[in-house]
Amino acid sequence: MKQLTAVLIGAGARGASSYAPYALHYPHELKFVAVAEADPGRRTKFADDHSIPAERVYESWETLLAEGKLADIAVICTQDQMHFQPAIHALNNKYHVLLEKPMSPDPQECLEMERVAKENDRLLTICHVLRYTPFWSTIKETIQAGHIGDVVSIQLNENVGYWHIAHSFVRGNWNNSEQSSPMILSKSCHDMDVLSWLMDQPCTRVSSFGSLMHFHEANAPEGAAERCLDCRVHSTCPYAAQRFYLSDQFKAWARHFAPDLSQEKIVQGLRDTNYGRCVYKSDNNVVDHQVVNMEFASGATAIFSMCGFTFEQERRIQIMGTRGELRGEGNTVTLFDFLTHKKTEITIAEQSSGHGGGDAGIVSSFLDEVRNNGGQESLTSASASVRSHLMAFAAEESRLNGGKVIDLDEYAAHLRSVDVRNRCTVC
């Protein structure tokens, strides 16, 4: 098996900890030969972990990509609003690109990335990792085998978890759509992608409702301070930062602001970073709950519900077909047959890599596609991802316009009429 080489742009949690470890576990398949990362600590650690020479360690993606093509693959895991330009530049440098989701917070930039990938005959695969998990693959195979007949309706719940929404979407990097992207993209483009994949037909109409109902200053408890460590009512607040990051249960999440996870460093981080701010006095503006209604070409429908106010962090799905029903949650897929009344349970084994095996699964699949297919479409290619991204963009437009029904064909046609080729300033 030919070893492929890669450069990493963005050595944060997703790049360095989710995708790049594949190269350490399977060095005969993949080797990272360069890294670009603005944070000096992350940059040095990644270079050390992957034995990257000093001359191939860069502070910015611009300087790395200015070197020309250094490897077969570019893995791009920058923040949401920093995807477009490095992706376009890498594709024009003839890299195959593995790009963290979402593609971009701008729908026209998504369409342009799709165009440039095709123009350069390069793979552009988006990290919709759920498709690569045994759990979701089993559901897809069950539908394809005809066990529940034709799909009539799908209900998908994304239970974000009360602690996860506070960490990532109130205090964290995805708390403000002006700096990152709307919640329907930053968190739930996975779900739009799964629904598009399972239905396997065009989505025709979308409507959506949702809001930032709880995490704003009007709901701050009386006496709440700007920072949790200074707050005299923290003991009665389920979202108090010290309750999360100084506890054994959630301490690992402090790695985002405390490099060595010592109590001293965590406390310092709670004093100095956004992770110690009151959830009611932060600069967040993304929704804490949202529902999306979808109609597909066959007349089938889907309902998606995202909510931050859940105890478990999980996805639950119910798929109703003409001959049976399928339910999935946790590690179990349950099939009910209308004719025989037979109930079949499939238990999915625990997976060692993140996202239920999806993080390692997508890297493995991408490497195979680069070796064997060149510029052919991948399972989560830009073309496939654009379809589900447009569903998310349309849902957000509907939400912001009082639940207005959006026709996807008309919406896509309007977006494609706008030329964005001049947006890449360094390409």
Protein backbone atom coordinates (compact mmCIF):
# COMPACT_ATOMS: atom_id res chain seq x y z
CA MET A 1 0.00 0.00 0.00
CA LYS A 2 1.42 3.34 -1.04
CA GLN A 3 2.09 5.79 1.78
CA LEU A 4 0.45 9.16 1.09
CA THR A 5 1.73 12.48 2.40
CA ALA A 6 -0.26 15.35 3.86
CA VAL A 7 -0.01 18.88 5.16
CA LEU A 8 -2.18 20.07 8.03
CA ILE A 9 -3.63 23.57 8.08
CA GLY A 10 -5.03 24.23 11.55
CA ALA A 11 -3.67 22.05 14.37
CA GLY A 12 -6.56 22.52 16.78
CA ALA A 13 -8.78 19.87 18.34
CA ARG A 14 -10.25 18.50 15.09
CA GLY A 15 -7.10 18.55 13.00
CA ALA A 16 -4.48 17.47 15.50
CA SER A 17 -6.59 15.24 17.73
CA SER A 18 -9.27 13.76 15.46
CA TYR A 19 -7.81 13.22 11.97
CA ALA A 20 -4.02 13.44 12.21
CA PRO A 21 -3.63 10.60 14.76
CA TYR A 22 -4.46 8.21 11.91
CA ALA A 23 -0.93 8.84 10.64
CA LEU A 24 0.54 7.80 14.00
CA HIS A 25 -1.54 4.61 14.15
CA TYR A 26 -0.99 3.69 10.49
CA PRO A 27 2.33 5.28 9.45
CA HIS A 28 2.58 3.00 6.41
CA GLU A 29 -0.54 4.70 5.02
CA LEU A 30 -0.12 8.38 5.87
CA LYS A 31 2.62 10.81 6.89
CA PHE A 32 2.28 14.51 7.70
CA VAL A 33 5.18 16.47 6.23
CA ALA A 34 4.19 20.07 7.04
CA VAL A 35 1.92 22.04 9.38
CA ALA A 36 0.54 25.57 9.50
CA GLU A 37 -0.84 26.77 12.83
CA ALA A 38 -0.97 30.25 14.38
CA ASP A 39 -0.74 29.05 17.99
CA PRO A 40 2.95 28.38 18.79
CA GLY A 41 2.23 25.70 21.39
CA ARG A 42 -0.03 23.69 19.12
CA ARG A 43 2.32 24.21 16.19
CA THR A 44 5.35 22.90 18.09
CA LYS A 45 3.51 19.95 19.60
CA PHE A 46 2.16 18.80 16.26
CA ALA A 47 5.56 19.11 14.61
CA ASP A 48 7.16 17.11 17.42
CA ASP A 49 4.47 14.42 17.38
CA HIS A 50 4.84 13.91 13.63
CA SER A 51 8.60 14.52 13.33
CA ILE A 52 8.14 17.44 10.96
CA PRO A 53 11.39 19.35 10.24
CA ALA A 54 11.59 23.01 11.26
CA GLU A 55 11.65 24.25 7.67
CA ARG A 56 8.20 22.73 7.12
CA VAL A 57 6.56 24.34 10.17
CA TYR A 58 4.61 27.50 9.32
CA GLU A 59 2.74 30.17 11.24
CA SER A 60 0.16 30.66 8.49
CA TRP A 61 -1.48 28.72 5.71
CA GLU A 62 -0.44 31.44 3.26
CA THR A 63 3.26 30.74 3.76
CA LEU A 64 2.77 26.98 3.59
CA LEU A 65 0.74 27.05 0.39
CA ALA A 66 3.10 29.59 -1.17
CA GLU A 67 5.67 26.76 -1.26
CA GLY A 68 3.70 24.99 -3.97
CA LYS A 69 2.65 21.37 -3.64
CA LEU A 70 4.47 19.68 -0.76
CA ALA A 71 2.30 16.57 -0.42
CA ASP A 72 -0.58 14.58 -1.88
CA ILE A 73 -3.22 15.88 0.54
CA ALA A 74 -4.12 19.06 2.40
CA VAL A 75 -6.14 18.56 5.59
CA ILE A 76 -7.81 21.90 6.41
CA CYS A 77 -9.20 22.35 9.92
CA THR A 78 -9.23 26.10 10.44
CA GLN A 79 -12.19 27.94 11.95
CA ASP A 80 -15.41 28.00 9.90
CA GLN A 81 -14.89 31.42 8.33
CA MET A 82 -11.29 30.55 7.39
CA HIS A 83 -12.05 27.57 5.14
CA PHE A 84 -12.62 29.18 1.77
CA GLN A 85 -9.31 30.75 0.84
CA PRO A 86 -6.95 27.94 1.93
CA ALA A 87 -9.25 25.37 0.30
CA ILE A 88 -9.30 27.23 -3.01
CA HIS A 89 -5.55 27.79 -2.94
CA ALA A 90 -4.85 24.14 -2.06
CA LEU A 91 -7.09 22.87 -4.86
CA ASN A 92 -5.38 25.18 -7.34
CA ASN A 93 -2.05 23.76 -6.09
CA LYS A 94 -3.41 20.33 -7.05
CA TYR A 95 -3.82 19.01 -3.53
CA HIS A 96 -6.63 16.59 -2.76
CA VAL A 97 -8.41 18.30 0.15
CA LEU A 98 -10.01 16.92 3.30
CA LEU A 99 -11.96 19.87 4.72
CA GLU A 100 -13.53 20.12 8.15
CA LYS A 101 -17.25 20.90 8.16
CA PRO A 102 -18.98 23.20 7.52
CA MET A 103 -17.57 24.04 4.11
CA SER A 104 -18.16 27.77 4.70
CA PRO A 105 -20.73 30.00 6.41
CA ASP A 106 -21.31 31.55 2.97
CA PRO A 107 -23.40 29.46 0.54
CA GLN A 108 -21.80 31.02 -2.53
CA GLU A 109 -18.34 30.12 -1.25
CA CYS A 110 -19.52 26.50 -0.91
CA LEU A 111 -20.60 26.49 -4.55
CA GLU A 112 -17.30 28.02 -5.64
CA MET A 113 -15.27 25.37 -3.78
CA GLU A 114 -17.30 22.69 -5.53
CA ARG A 115 -16.57 24.33 -8.90
CA VAL A 116 -12.83 24.70 -8.29
CA ALA A 117 -12.50 21.07 -7.16
CA LYS A 118 -14.09 19.89 -10.39
CA GLU A 119 -12.03 22.32 -12.47
CA ASN A 120 -8.80 20.94 -10.97
CA ASP A 121 -9.99 17.31 -11.02
CA ARG A 122 -9.23 17.05 -7.31
CA LEU A 123 -11.07 15.36 -4.48
CA LEU A 124 -12.67 17.79 -2.03
CA THR A 125 -14.12 15.70 0.77
CA ILE A 126 -16.03 17.34 3.62
CA CYS A 127 -15.77 15.84 7.10
CA HIS A 128 -19.35 14.65 7.50
CA VAL A 129 -18.01 11.86 9.68
CA LEU A 130 -21.37 10.29 10.59
CA ARG A 131 -21.63 8.63 7.17
CA TYR A 132 -18.45 6.69 7.98
CA THR A 133 -19.67 5.16 11.25
CA PRO A 134 -20.97 1.60 11.66
CA PHE A 135 -24.13 2.96 13.31
CA TRP A 136 -25.25 5.22 10.47
CA SER A 137 -23.94 2.87 7.78
CA THR A 138 -26.12 0.10 9.25
CA ILE A 139 -29.19 2.34 9.03
CA LYS A 140 -28.39 3.24 5.43
CA GLU A 141 -27.90 -0.41 4.46
CA THR A 142 -31.17 -1.39 6.12
CA ILE A 143 -33.08 1.18 4.08
CA GLN A 144 -31.33 0.19 0.86
CA ALA A 145 -32.15 -3.47 1.46
CA GLY A 146 -35.86 -2.58 1.45
CA HIS A 147 -36.55 -3.87 4.96
CA ILE A 148 -38.88 -0.98 5.80
CA GLY A 149 -40.19 -0.36 2.27
CA ASP A 150 -40.29 3.19 0.97
CA VAL A 151 -39.33 5.88 3.45
CA VAL A 152 -42.33 8.05 4.29
CA SER A 153 -41.03 10.18 7.14
CA ILE A 154 -37.95 10.64 9.33
CA GLN A 155 -37.70 12.21 12.77
CA LEU A 156 -34.16 13.05 13.89
CA ASN A 157 -33.35 14.54 17.29
CA GLU A 158 -29.97 16.01 18.07
CA ASN A 159 -29.69 16.21 21.84
CA VAL A 160 -26.70 18.52 22.24
CA GLY A 161 -26.34 18.22 26.01
CA TYR A 162 -26.66 21.06 28.53
CA TRP A 163 -22.93 21.10 29.23
CA HIS A 164 -21.88 20.85 25.55
CA ILE A 165 -24.02 23.77 24.43
CA ALA A 166 -22.63 25.89 27.27
CA HIS A 167 -19.05 24.89 26.43
CA SER A 168 -19.04 25.19 22.64
CA PHE A 169 -21.98 27.38 21.69
CA VAL A 170 -22.28 29.87 24.55
CA ARG A 171 -18.69 30.28 25.74
CA GLY A 172 -16.74 28.57 22.96
CA ASN A 173 -15.56 29.10 19.39
CA TRP A 174 -19.02 28.60 17.84
CA ASN A 175 -21.00 30.94 20.09
CA ASN A 176 -21.42 33.79 17.63
CA SER A 177 -22.52 33.43 14.03
CA GLU A 178 -20.67 36.63 13.05
CA GLN A 179 -17.34 35.00 13.97
CA SER A 180 -18.15 31.37 13.11
CA SER A 181 -21.46 30.23 11.62
CA PRO A 182 -25.10 29.66 12.60
CA MET A 183 -25.87 26.67 14.80
CA ILE A 184 -27.61 24.84 11.94
CA LEU A 185 -24.23 24.82 10.16
CA SER A 186 -21.64 24.62 12.91
CA LYS A 187 -23.36 21.78 14.78
CA SER A 188 -26.19 20.46 12.67
CA CYS A 189 -24.83 20.33 9.12
CA HIS A 190 -24.00 16.73 10.13
CA ASP A 191 -27.72 16.13 10.56
CA MET A 192 -28.71 17.82 7.33
CA ASP A 193 -26.14 15.64 5.59
CA VAL A 194 -27.40 12.42 7.19
CA LEU A 195 -31.01 13.22 6.27
CA SER A 196 -30.03 13.99 2.67
CA TRP A 197 -28.03 10.74 2.51
CA LEU A 198 -30.73 8.54 4.02
CA MET A 199 -33.50 10.00 1.86
CA ASP A 200 -31.29 9.75 -1.26
CA GLN A 201 -33.43 12.23 -3.19
CA PRO A 202 -33.62 16.02 -3.54
CA CYS A 203 -35.01 18.11 -0.74
CA THR A 204 -37.57 20.45 -2.31
CA ARG A 205 -38.90 22.67 0.49
CA VAL A 206 -37.69 23.75 3.94
CA SER A 207 -39.04 25.77 6.85
CA SER A 208 -37.58 26.35 10.29
CA PHE A 209 -38.21 27.87 13.72
CA GLY A 210 -35.86 28.45 16.65
CA SER A 211 -34.31 31.08 18.87
CA LEU A 212 -31.86 31.95 21.59
CA MET A 213 -34.42 31.41 24.30
CA HIS A 214 -32.38 30.97 27.48
CA PHE A 215 -28.73 32.00 27.30
CA HIS A 216 -29.01 35.80 27.44
CA GLU A 217 -28.78 38.46 30.11
CA ALA A 218 -32.50 38.70 30.78
CA ASN A 219 -32.30 35.22 32.34
CA ALA A 220 -29.26 35.87 34.53
CA PRO A 221 -29.96 34.97 38.18
CA GLU A 222 -30.07 37.91 40.57
CA GLY A 223 -26.56 38.57 41.82
CA ALA A 224 -24.82 36.80 38.94
CA ALA A 225 -21.30 38.04 38.25
CA GLU A 226 -19.55 38.45 34.89
CA ARG A 227 -17.33 35.46 35.70
CA CYS A 228 -18.28 32.24 37.43
CA LEU A 229 -15.33 32.26 39.84
CA ASP A 230 -16.58 35.60 41.23
CA CYS A 231 -20.24 34.61 41.35
CA ARG A 232 -22.05 34.22 44.68
CA VAL A 233 -24.91 32.22 43.12
CA HIS A 234 -22.73 29.64 41.29
CA SER A 235 -23.82 26.83 43.60
CA THR A 236 -27.37 26.99 42.24
CA CYS A 237 -26.40 27.38 38.56
CA PRO A 238 -26.13 24.17 36.49
CA TYR A 239 -23.93 26.02 33.96
CA ALA A 240 -21.32 27.35 36.41
CA ALA A 241 -17.90 26.96 34.80
CA GLN A 242 -16.26 25.51 37.90
CA ARG A 243 -18.96 22.83 37.99
CA PHE A 244 -17.76 21.73 34.54
CA TYR A 245 -14.03 22.20 34.35
CA LEU A 246 -13.00 21.48 37.96
CA SER A 247 -14.94 18.21 38.03
CA ASP A 248 -13.62 14.81 36.97
CA GLN A 249 -16.61 14.34 34.65
CA PHE A 250 -15.88 17.31 32.37
CA LYS A 251 -12.28 18.19 33.22
CA ALA A 252 -10.96 16.89 29.89
CA TRP A 253 -12.88 19.66 28.08
CA ALA A 254 -10.63 22.21 29.80
CA ARG A 255 -7.94 21.22 27.29
CA HIS A 256 -9.33 23.93 25.03
CA PHE A 257 -7.92 26.60 27.36
CA ALA A 258 -5.60 24.84 29.86
CA PRO A 259 -2.74 23.01 28.13
CA ASP A 260 -1.69 20.73 31.01
CA LEU A 261 -5.06 20.32 32.82
CA SER A 262 -3.57 21.16 36.20
CA GLN A 263 -6.00 22.75 38.65
CA GLU A 264 -3.85 25.89 38.67
CA LYS A 265 -3.95 26.25 34.87
CA ILE A 266 -7.69 25.54 34.70
CA VAL A 267 -8.43 28.21 37.31
CA GLN A 268 -6.21 30.64 35.44
CA GLY A 269 -8.09 29.85 32.22
CA LEU A 270 -11.41 30.44 33.93
CA ARG A 271 -10.17 33.88 34.96
CA ASP A 272 -8.62 34.83 31.62
CA THR A 273 -10.69 33.18 28.85
CA ASN A 274 -14.28 33.11 27.67
CA TYR A 275 -14.71 29.67 29.22
CA GLY A 276 -14.99 31.30 32.65
CA ARG A 277 -17.68 33.80 31.63
CA CYS A 278 -21.27 33.68 32.82
CA VAL A 279 -23.43 31.94 30.22
CA TYR A 280 -25.96 34.76 30.59
CA LYS A 281 -23.39 37.52 30.00
CA SER A 282 -21.40 36.22 27.06
CA ASP A 283 -21.37 37.51 23.49
CA ASN A 284 -23.23 34.47 22.11
CA ASN A 285 -26.01 34.86 19.57
CA VAL A 286 -26.61 31.37 18.11
CA VAL A 287 -29.86 29.55 18.84
CA ASP A 288 -30.15 27.14 21.76
CA HIS A 289 -32.99 25.20 20.09
CA GLN A 290 -34.23 24.84 16.50
CA VAL A 291 -36.57 22.69 14.44
CA VAL A 292 -36.44 22.17 10.67
CA ASN A 293 -39.25 20.80 8.48
CA MET A 294 -38.30 19.26 5.13
CA GLU A 295 -40.17 17.91 2.12
CA PHE A 296 -38.45 15.70 -0.46
CA ALA A 297 -39.09 14.98 -4.14
CA SER A 298 -41.17 11.84 -3.49
CA GLY A 299 -43.41 13.63 -0.99
CA ALA A 300 -41.57 12.10 1.97
CA THR A 301 -40.98 14.41 4.91
CA ALA A 302 -38.42 14.84 7.66
CA ILE A 303 -38.43 16.70 10.95
CA PHE A 304 -35.17 17.66 12.63
CA SER A 305 -34.98 18.98 16.19
CA MET A 306 -31.83 20.35 17.82
CA CYS A 307 -31.96 21.26 21.50
CA GLY A 308 -29.26 22.18 24.00
CA PHE A 309 -31.38 21.36 27.04
CA THR A 310 -30.82 17.62 27.34
CA PHE A 311 -28.96 15.49 29.85
CA GLU A 312 -27.46 13.11 27.29
CA GLN A 313 -25.40 14.15 24.30
CA GLU A 314 -26.81 11.92 21.57
CA ARG A 315 -28.75 11.58 18.33
CA ARG A 316 -31.99 9.59 18.11
CA ILE A 317 -33.70 8.70 14.86
CA GLN A 318 -37.04 7.18 13.88
CA ILE A 319 -37.61 6.22 10.23
CA MET A 320 -41.11 5.24 9.17
CA GLY A 321 -41.51 3.21 5.99
CA THR A 322 -44.34 1.53 4.13
CA ARG A 323 -43.37 -1.96 5.35
CA GLY A 324 -41.69 -1.29 8.67
CA GLU A 325 -40.16 1.10 11.13
CA LEU A 326 -36.56 1.68 12.22
CA ARG A 327 -35.36 3.31 15.41
CA GLY A 328 -31.79 4.12 16.31
CA GLU A 329 -30.22 5.44 19.49
CA GLY A 330 -27.05 4.82 21.42
CA ASN A 331 -25.43 1.75 19.93
CA THR A 332 -28.68 0.01 18.98
CA VAL A 333 -30.65 -0.09 15.73
CA THR A 334 -34.12 -1.66 16.10
CA LEU A 335 -36.19 -2.84 13.14
CA PHE A 336 -39.95 -3.56 13.28
CA ASP A 337 -41.58 -5.53 10.43
CA PHE A 338 -45.26 -4.75 9.78
CA LEU A 339 -45.97 -8.11 8.10
CA THR A 340 -44.39 -10.53 10.57
CA HIS A 341 -44.35 -8.26 13.64
CA LYS A 342 -40.75 -9.39 14.03
CA LYS A 343 -38.51 -7.13 16.07
CA THR A 344 -34.81 -7.20 15.21
CA GLU A 345 -32.16 -5.50 17.30
CA ILE A 346 -28.67 -4.79 15.99
CA THR A 347 -26.04 -3.79 18.53
CA ILE A 348 -23.12 -1.76 17.22
CA ALA A 349 -19.82 -2.42 18.98
CA GLU A 350 -18.10 0.45 20.75
CA GLN A 351 -15.69 2.25 18.44
CA SER A 352 -12.21 3.36 19.40
CA SER A 353 -12.05 6.58 17.38
CA GLY A 354 -14.16 9.71 17.84
CA HIS A 355 -17.68 10.29 16.49
CA GLY A 356 -18.51 6.58 16.78
CA GLY A 357 -15.61 5.56 14.54
CA GLY A 358 -16.27 8.30 11.99
CA ASP A 359 -13.05 10.25 12.54
CA ALA A 360 -10.80 7.34 11.61
CA GLY A 361 -13.34 6.05 9.09
CA ILE A 362 -13.33 9.17 6.96
CA VAL A 363 -9.53 9.38 6.86
CA SER A 364 -9.24 5.72 5.83
CA SER A 365 -11.89 6.12 3.13
CA PHE A 366 -10.34 9.36 1.86
CA LEU A 367 -6.90 7.75 1.50
CA ASP A 368 -8.41 4.89 -0.50
CA GLU A 369 -10.21 7.38 -2.75
CA VAL A 370 -7.02 9.38 -3.36
CA ARG A 371 -5.10 6.20 -4.24
CA ASN A 372 -7.75 4.67 -6.47
CA ASN A 373 -10.08 7.32 -7.82
CA GLY A 374 -8.17 10.55 -8.26
CA GLY A 375 -10.73 13.24 -8.99
CA GLN A 376 -13.84 11.05 -8.75
CA GLU A 377 -16.65 11.83 -6.34
CA SER A 378 -16.25 10.63 -2.75
CA LEU A 379 -18.97 9.64 -0.26
CA THR A 380 -18.98 13.15 1.23
CA SER A 381 -17.67 15.06 -1.76
CA ALA A 382 -18.21 18.78 -2.19
CA SER A 383 -21.14 18.03 -4.50
CA ALA A 384 -22.87 15.87 -1.89
CA SER A 385 -22.06 18.34 0.86
CA VAL A 386 -23.35 21.33 -1.09
CA ARG A 387 -26.79 19.71 -1.27
CA SER A 388 -27.07 19.36 2.49
CA HIS A 389 -25.40 22.72 3.15
CA LEU A 390 -28.05 24.42 1.02
CA MET A 391 -30.71 22.73 3.15
CA ALA A 392 -29.06 24.26 6.23
CA PHE A 393 -28.69 27.71 4.66
CA ALA A 394 -32.33 27.66 3.54
CA ALA A 395 -33.43 26.58 7.02
CA GLU A 396 -31.59 29.51 8.59
CA GLU A 397 -33.10 31.94 6.09
CA SER A 398 -36.54 30.54 6.92
CA ARG A 399 -35.91 30.87 10.67
CA LEU A 400 -34.84 34.48 10.30
CA ASN A 401 -37.96 35.20 8.23
CA GLY A 402 -40.62 33.88 10.56
CA GLY A 403 -40.65 30.30 9.29
CA LYS A 404 -41.13 31.19 5.63
CA VAL A 405 -41.18 28.15 3.33
CA ILE A 406 -38.08 28.12 1.09
CA ASP A 407 -38.16 26.41 -2.31
CA LEU A 408 -34.72 24.77 -2.66
CA ASP A 409 -34.56 24.88 -6.47
CA GLU A 410 -35.30 28.59 -6.54
CA TYR A 411 -32.90 29.20 -3.65
CA ALA A 412 -30.06 27.30 -5.33
CA ALA A 413 -30.66 28.97 -8.70
CA HIS A 414 -30.39 32.41 -7.12
CA LEU A 415 -27.13 31.52 -5.37
CA ARG A 416 -25.58 30.06 -8.52
CA SER A 417 -26.31 33.28 -10.40
CA VAL A 418 -23.78 35.19 -8.27
CA ASP A 419 -20.09 35.12 -9.29
CA VAL A 420 -17.76 34.82 -6.27
CA ARG A 421 -14.54 33.96 -8.08
CA ASN A 422 -12.86 37.17 -7.00
CA ARG A 423 -13.18 36.40 -3.27
CA CYS A 424 -9.93 34.44 -3.01
CA THR A 425 -7.41 37.25 -2.61
CA VAL A 426 -4.24 35.12 -2.62
CA CYS A 427 -5.09 32.56 -5.30
